[in-house]
Amino acid sequence: MSSEAKSAKAYRRWTRLMRIGRACGCHQMSSRSFFWKGMQFPLCARCTGLFLGEVILAPLWILFVPQIWWVNLLLVMPLATDGSGQYVGWWTSTNIRRLLTGLLAGPGIIGLAFIIISELIRWAL
């Protein structure tokens, strides 16, 4: 396969991932995204952190840590604080901060959902 064909295939794969990221609700602002080999990530830094936190860290969090609602809420607070402060113009966040707050919030969001669903099931039975 020629290098032009490989480049075209990589570009098609990248555009497909970008469409998926947009469909997930990510704004995909280039100034708030990471780049690899000149290609923008399909998710912004905060959504990348959330995704990784929910997919990789949350299963471990659910399996090995007792689920307490306020602990999960504390994990979400840095993301809410950083995002809100940036939104109202109090500060400008960085991509690393967005990634880290997303990594923390991912397990917290899944943990809260786990608690809510568990309580609903217990209530229904």
Protein backbone atom coordinates (compact mmCIF):
# COMPACT_ATOMS: atom_id res chain seq x y z
CA MET A 1 0.00 0.00 0.00
CA SER A 2 1.41 3.37 -0.97
CA SER A 3 2.00 6.12 1.58
CA GLU A 4 -0.73 8.20 -0.07
CA ALA A 5 -3.23 5.36 0.36
CA LYS A 6 -2.18 4.94 4.00
CA SER A 7 -2.60 8.68 4.57
CA ALA A 8 -6.04 8.65 2.98
CA LYS A 9 -7.08 5.68 5.12
CA ALA A 10 -5.77 7.37 8.28
CA TYR A 11 -7.63 10.57 7.38
CA ARG A 12 -10.91 8.66 6.85
CA ARG A 13 -10.45 6.92 10.21
CA TRP A 14 -9.73 10.29 11.89
CA THR A 15 -12.81 11.97 10.36
CA ARG A 16 -14.96 9.04 11.48
CA LEU A 17 -13.64 9.39 15.06
CA MET A 18 -14.24 13.15 14.95
CA ARG A 19 -17.88 12.55 13.93
CA ILE A 20 -18.29 10.10 16.82
CA GLY A 21 -16.77 12.62 19.25
CA ARG A 22 -19.13 15.33 18.02
CA ALA A 23 -22.09 12.94 18.32
CA CYS A 24 -21.11 12.31 21.95
CA GLY A 25 -21.59 16.01 22.64
CA CYS A 26 -17.96 17.17 22.72
CA HIS A 27 -17.35 20.70 21.43
CA GLN A 28 -13.96 19.61 20.00
CA MET A 29 -12.41 23.08 20.25
CA SER A 30 -8.87 22.74 18.96
CA SER A 31 -7.50 25.08 21.66
CA ARG A 32 -8.91 22.73 24.31
CA SER A 33 -7.81 19.48 22.67
CA PHE A 34 -4.67 17.40 22.51
CA PHE A 35 -2.94 16.63 19.24
CA TRP A 36 -0.96 13.56 18.23
CA LYS A 37 1.13 13.45 15.07
CA GLY A 38 -0.58 16.62 13.90
CA MET A 39 -4.09 15.19 14.33
CA GLN A 40 -6.55 16.57 16.88
CA PHE A 41 -8.01 14.11 19.39
CA PRO A 42 -11.70 13.41 18.65
CA LEU A 43 -12.54 14.54 22.19
CA CYS A 44 -11.41 17.71 23.99
CA ALA A 45 -9.08 17.34 26.98
CA ARG A 46 -11.93 17.32 29.54
CA CYS A 47 -13.99 14.77 27.58
CA THR A 48 -10.86 12.66 27.08
CA GLY A 49 -10.37 12.62 30.86
CA LEU A 50 -14.02 11.77 31.46
CA PHE A 51 -13.92 8.98 28.89
CA LEU A 52 -10.73 7.45 30.31
CA GLY A 53 -12.00 7.85 33.87
CA GLU A 54 -15.32 6.20 33.07
CA VAL A 55 -13.95 3.37 30.94
CA ILE A 56 -10.68 2.51 32.72
CA LEU A 57 -10.86 3.81 36.30
CA ALA A 58 -14.58 3.48 37.09
CA PRO A 59 -14.77 -0.34 36.90
CA LEU A 60 -11.87 -0.58 39.37
CA TRP A 61 -13.50 2.09 41.55
CA ILE A 62 -16.83 0.22 41.62
CA LEU A 63 -15.21 -3.17 42.32
CA PHE A 64 -12.68 -2.22 44.98
CA VAL A 65 -13.97 0.88 46.80
CA PRO A 66 -17.11 1.04 48.96
CA GLN A 67 -19.54 3.36 47.21
CA ILE A 68 -20.36 6.37 49.37
CA TRP A 69 -22.34 9.12 47.66
CA TRP A 70 -20.44 12.07 49.14
CA VAL A 71 -17.04 10.58 48.20
CA ASN A 72 -18.22 10.24 44.59
CA LEU A 73 -19.57 13.78 44.70
CA LEU A 74 -16.17 15.02 45.93
CA LEU A 75 -14.56 13.42 42.88
CA VAL A 76 -16.88 15.38 40.58
CA MET A 77 -16.37 18.73 42.35
CA PRO A 78 -12.96 19.64 40.82
CA LEU A 79 -14.39 19.28 37.31
CA ALA A 80 -17.50 21.29 38.21
CA THR A 81 -15.38 23.98 39.87
CA ASP A 82 -12.86 24.24 37.05
CA GLY A 83 -15.50 24.21 34.32
CA SER A 84 -17.74 26.74 36.09
CA GLY A 85 -14.86 29.07 36.95
CA GLN A 86 -13.68 29.00 33.38
CA TYR A 87 -17.20 29.51 32.02
CA VAL A 88 -17.82 32.66 34.08
CA GLY A 89 -14.37 34.01 33.23
CA TRP A 90 -12.66 33.76 36.62
CA TRP A 91 -9.72 31.85 35.12
CA THR A 92 -8.51 30.06 32.04
CA SER A 93 -8.04 26.35 32.52
CA THR A 94 -5.28 24.26 30.94
CA ASN A 95 -5.60 21.06 28.99
CA ILE A 96 -3.73 19.14 31.69
CA ARG A 97 -6.12 20.46 34.37
CA ARG A 98 -9.09 19.57 32.17
CA LEU A 99 -7.72 16.05 31.66
CA LEU A 100 -7.02 15.50 35.38
CA THR A 101 -10.40 16.82 36.55
CA GLY A 102 -12.06 14.59 33.94
CA LEU A 103 -10.08 11.57 35.18
CA LEU A 104 -11.31 12.26 38.72
CA ALA A 105 -14.91 12.95 37.72
CA GLY A 106 -15.30 9.84 35.54
CA PRO A 107 -15.30 7.33 38.42
CA GLY A 108 -17.33 9.76 40.56
CA ILE A 109 -20.09 10.04 37.96
CA ILE A 110 -20.21 6.28 37.43
CA GLY A 111 -20.13 5.74 41.21
CA LEU A 112 -23.08 8.10 41.69
CA ALA A 113 -24.99 6.37 38.90
CA PHE A 114 -24.21 3.00 40.51
CA ILE A 115 -25.55 4.20 43.88
CA ILE A 116 -28.71 5.67 42.34
CA ILE A 117 -29.44 2.55 40.30
CA SER A 118 -28.77 0.31 43.32
CA GLU A 119 -31.17 2.36 45.43
CA LEU A 120 -33.85 2.28 42.72
CA ILE A 121 -33.55 -1.49 42.45
CA ARG A 122 -33.67 -1.86 46.25
CA TRP A 123 -36.72 0.44 46.36
CA ALA A 124 -38.46 -1.52 43.57
CA LEU A 125 -37.94 -4.86 45.30
